[in-house]
C-alpha atoms as a PDB file:
ATOM      1  CA  MET A   1       0.000   0.000   0.000  1.00  0.00           C
ATOM      2  CA  SER A   2       2.864   2.398   0.659  1.00  0.00           C
ATOM      3  CA  ASP A   3       4.060   1.866  -2.944  1.00  0.00           C
ATOM      4  CA  ALA A   4       0.894   3.548  -4.283  1.00  0.00           C
ATOM      5  CA  TYR A   5       1.778   6.921  -2.738  1.00  0.00           C
ATOM      6  CA  GLU A   6       5.464   6.819  -3.542  1.00  0.00           C
ATOM      7  CA  PHE A   7       5.263   9.009  -6.664  1.00  0.00           C
ATOM      8  CA  VAL A   8       2.880  11.685  -5.406  1.00  0.00           C
ATOM      9  CA  ALA A   9       3.986  15.259  -6.155  1.00  0.00           C
ATOM     10  CA  LYS A  10       4.377  17.030  -2.835  1.00  0.00           C
ATOM     11  CA  SER A  11       5.359  20.461  -4.159  1.00  0.00           C
ATOM     12  CA  LYS A  12       3.122  23.207  -5.497  1.00  0.00           C
ATOM     13  CA  LEU A  13       1.940  22.995  -9.076  1.00  0.00           C
ATOM     14  CA  LYS A  14       3.996  24.921 -11.612  1.00  0.00           C
ATOM     15  CA  LEU A  15       2.651  26.479 -14.766  1.00  0.00           C
ATOM     16  CA  LYS A  16       4.623  26.605 -17.998  1.00  0.00           C
ATOM     17  CA  ASN A  17       7.072  29.512 -18.025  1.00  0.00           C
ATOM     18  CA  ASP A  18       6.143  30.260 -14.414  1.00  0.00           C
ATOM     19  CA  SER A  19       9.758  30.816 -13.418  1.00  0.00           C
ATOM     20  CA  GLU A  20      10.232  33.451 -16.138  1.00  0.00           C
ATOM     21  CA  HIS A  21       7.155  35.591 -15.406  1.00  0.00           C
ATOM     22  CA  LYS A  22       7.049  36.304 -11.719  1.00  0.00           C
ATOM     23  CA  LYS A  23       4.776  39.230 -10.977  1.00  0.00           C
ATOM     24  CA  LYS A  24       5.537  41.804  -8.358  1.00  0.00           C
ATOM     25  CA  LYS A  25       2.921  42.172  -5.672  1.00  0.00           C
ATOM     26  CA  LYS A  26       1.483  45.665  -5.632  1.00  0.00           C
ATOM     27  CA  SER A  27       0.991  47.371  -2.331  1.00  0.00           C
ATOM     28  CA  LYS A  28      -2.651  48.182  -1.692  1.00  0.00           C
ATOM     29  CA  HIS A  29      -1.665  51.050   0.576  1.00  0.00           C
ATOM     30  CA  LYS A  30       0.156  52.904  -2.207  1.00  0.00           C
ATOM     31  CA  ARG A  31      -2.722  52.410  -4.624  1.00  0.00           C
ATOM     32  CA  LYS A  32      -5.227  53.775  -2.095  1.00  0.00           C
ATOM     33  CA  GLU A  33      -3.116  56.883  -1.559  1.00  0.00           C
ATOM     34  CA  LYS A  34      -2.850  57.477  -5.299  1.00  0.00           C
ATOM     35  CA  VAL A  35      -6.602  57.041  -5.746  1.00  0.00           C
ATOM     36  CA  LYS A  36      -7.302  59.464  -2.891  1.00  0.00           C
ATOM     37  CA  GLU A  37      -4.925  62.045  -4.366  1.00  0.00           C
ATOM     38  CA  ARG A  38      -6.480  61.744  -7.811  1.00  0.00           C
ATOM     39  CA  ALA A  39      -9.982  62.035  -6.366  1.00  0.00           C
ATOM     40  CA  LYS A  40      -8.989  65.070  -4.342  1.00  0.00           C
ATOM     41  CA  GLU A  41      -7.432  66.783  -7.355  1.00  0.00           C
ATOM     42  CA  SER A  42     -10.404  66.062  -9.587  1.00  0.00           C
ATOM     43  CA  LEU A  43     -12.830  67.312  -6.949  1.00  0.00           C
ATOM     44  CA  GLN A  44     -10.898  70.532  -6.507  1.00  0.00           C
ATOM     45  CA  THR A  45     -10.729  71.179 -10.237  1.00  0.00           C
ATOM     46  CA  SER A  46     -14.422  70.411 -10.680  1.00  0.00           C
ATOM     47  CA  VAL A  47     -15.313  72.671  -7.742  1.00  0.00           C
ATOM     48  CA  ASN A  48     -13.233  75.511  -9.137  1.00  0.00           C
ATOM     49  CA  GLU A  49     -14.747  75.090 -12.592  1.00  0.00           C
ATOM     50  CA  SER A  50     -18.299  74.904 -11.254  1.00  0.00           C
ATOM     51  CA  LEU A  51     -17.789  77.984  -9.097  1.00  0.00           C
ATOM     52  CA  GLU A  52     -16.335  79.904 -12.014  1.00  0.00           C
ATOM     53  CA  ASP A  53     -19.247  78.827 -14.221  1.00  0.00           C
ATOM     54  CA  LYS A  54     -21.752  79.934 -11.600  1.00  0.00           C
ATOM     55  CA  ILE A  55     -20.033  83.268 -11.124  1.00  0.00           C
ATOM     56  CA  THR A  56     -19.556  84.055 -14.806  1.00  0.00           C
ATOM     57  CA  SER A  57     -23.004  82.945 -16.006  1.00  0.00           C
ATOM     58  CA  SER A  58     -24.891  86.064 -17.029  1.00  0.00           C
ATOM     59  CA  SER A  59     -28.359  84.477 -16.763  1.00  0.00           C
ATOM     60  CA  ALA A  60     -28.050  84.043 -13.003  1.00  0.00           C
ATOM     61  CA  PRO A  61     -28.768  87.050 -10.770  1.00  0.00           C
ATOM     62  CA  LYS A  62     -25.731  88.777  -9.289  1.00  0.00           C
ATOM     63  CA  LEU A  63     -24.781  87.354  -5.911  1.00  0.00           C
ATOM     64  CA  THR A  64     -23.684  89.475  -3.019  1.00  0.00           C
ATOM     65  CA  LYS A  65     -20.313  88.825  -1.415  1.00  0.00           C
ATOM     66  CA  ALA A  66     -21.988  87.123   1.537  1.00  0.00           C
ATOM     67  CA  GLU A  67     -24.075  84.856  -0.705  1.00  0.00           C
ATOM     68  CA  LEU A  68     -21.036  83.956  -2.767  1.00  0.00           C
ATOM     69  CA  ALA A  69     -18.988  83.182   0.350  1.00  0.00           C
ATOM     70  CA  PHE A  70     -21.879  81.094   1.714  1.00  0.00           C
ATOM     71  CA  LYS A  71     -22.102  79.033  -1.490  1.00  0.00           C
ATOM     72  CA  GLN A  72     -18.344  78.506  -1.564  1.00  0.00           C
ATOM     73  CA  GLN A  73     -18.363  77.364   2.074  1.00  0.00           C
ATOM     74  CA  GLN A  74     -21.234  74.965   1.355  1.00  0.00           C
ATOM     75  CA  GLU A  75     -19.299  73.513  -1.568  1.00  0.00           C
ATOM     76  CA  LYS A  76     -16.179  73.072   0.586  1.00  0.00           C
ATOM     77  CA  MET A  77     -18.146  71.324   3.343  1.00  0.00           C
ATOM     78  CA  ARG A  78     -19.848  69.028   0.843  1.00  0.00           C
ATOM     79  CA  ASN A  79     -16.500  68.068  -0.696  1.00  0.00           C
ATOM     80  CA  LYS A  80     -15.000  67.526   2.753  1.00  0.00           C
ATOM     81  CA  ARG A  81     -17.840  65.132   3.638  1.00  0.00           C
ATOM     82  CA  ILE A  82     -17.347  63.256   0.370  1.00  0.00           C
ATOM     83  CA  MET A  83     -13.611  62.913   0.989  1.00  0.00           C
ATOM     84  CA  GLU A  84     -14.186  61.664   4.550  1.00  0.00           C
ATOM     85  CA  LYS A  85     -16.581  58.998   3.308  1.00  0.00           C
ATOM     86  CA  ALA A  86     -14.221  58.019   0.497  1.00  0.00           C
ATOM     87  CA  SER A  87     -11.211  57.794   2.790  1.00  0.00           C
ATOM     88  CA  THR A  88     -12.623  55.009   4.998  1.00  0.00           C
ATOM     89  CA  THR A  89     -12.976  51.470   3.758  1.00  0.00           C
ATOM     90  CA  HIS A  90     -16.099  49.402   4.202  1.00  0.00           C
ATOM     91  CA  LYS A  91     -14.393  47.333   6.896  1.00  0.00           C
ATOM     92  CA  GLU A  92     -13.518  50.462   8.894  1.00  0.00           C
ATOM     93  CA  ARG A  93     -17.092  51.761   8.622  1.00  0.00           C
ATOM     94  CA  VAL A  94     -18.477  48.421   9.846  1.00  0.00           C
ATOM     95  CA  GLU A  95     -16.075  48.419  12.809  1.00  0.00           C
ATOM     96  CA  LYS A  96     -17.054  51.991  13.691  1.00  0.00           C
ATOM     97  CA  PHE A  97     -20.752  51.080  13.476  1.00  0.00           C
ATOM     98  CA  ASN A  98     -20.232  48.046  15.713  1.00  0.00           C
ATOM     99  CA  GLU A  99     -18.435  50.197  18.291  1.00  0.00           C
ATOM    100  CA  HIS A 100     -21.357  52.612  18.199  1.00  0.00           C
ATOM    101  CA  LEU A 101     -23.826  49.779  18.778  1.00  0.00           C
ATOM    102  CA  ASP A 102     -21.739  48.498  21.691  1.00  0.00           C
ATOM    103  CA  SER A 103     -21.779  51.927  23.324  1.00  0.00           C
ATOM    104  CA  LEU A 104     -25.580  52.211  23.218  1.00  0.00           C
ATOM    105  CA  THR A 105     -27.565  51.544  26.338  1.00  0.00           C
ATOM    106  CA  GLU A 106     -29.713  48.457  26.378  1.00  0.00           C
ATOM    107  CA  HIS A 107     -32.883  50.498  26.700  1.00  0.00           C
ATOM    108  CA  PHE A 108     -34.895  48.464  24.222  1.00  0.00           C
ATOM    109  CA  ASP A 109     -33.923  45.068  25.606  1.00  0.00           C
ATOM    110  CA  ILE A 110     -36.759  43.185  27.275  1.00  0.00           C
ATOM    111  CA  PRO A 111     -36.227  43.275  31.038  1.00  0.00           C
ATOM    112  CA  LYS A 112     -36.546  40.141  33.122  1.00  0.00           C
ATOM    113  CA  VAL A 113     -39.961  39.761  34.669  1.00  0.00           C
ATOM    114  CA  SER A 114     -40.223  37.551  37.688  1.00  0.00           C
ATOM    115  CA  TRP A 115     -43.245  37.259  39.996  1.00  0.00           C
ATOM    116  CA  THR A 116     -41.320  35.281  42.572  1.00  0.00           C
ATOM    117  CA  LYS A 117     -38.950  38.041  43.604  1.00  0.00           C
END
């Protein structure tokens, strides 16, 4: 019976030309940073373009300085919120949500009811 398993391959399987074409593993961390930077740049350019379009459009009524500053601040806050949501991964959001649930009081749990005590 031991003769039947004598010629079993115990190493990993090798594909043809596997030794020639070894791929480098890419770091996920570096890719995430690059994606965040690109997203940030594109958001800033789109915000600047949209603000310029809104300001220069002649069909829109003239905005006062306060109204213009208010709209710019709203745009900044909206972009900040988008970047915060984009910066966290799904796993991090789930962990944060679970921590929040753990911190809640158990107000809605059904209390023990005992007539004997």
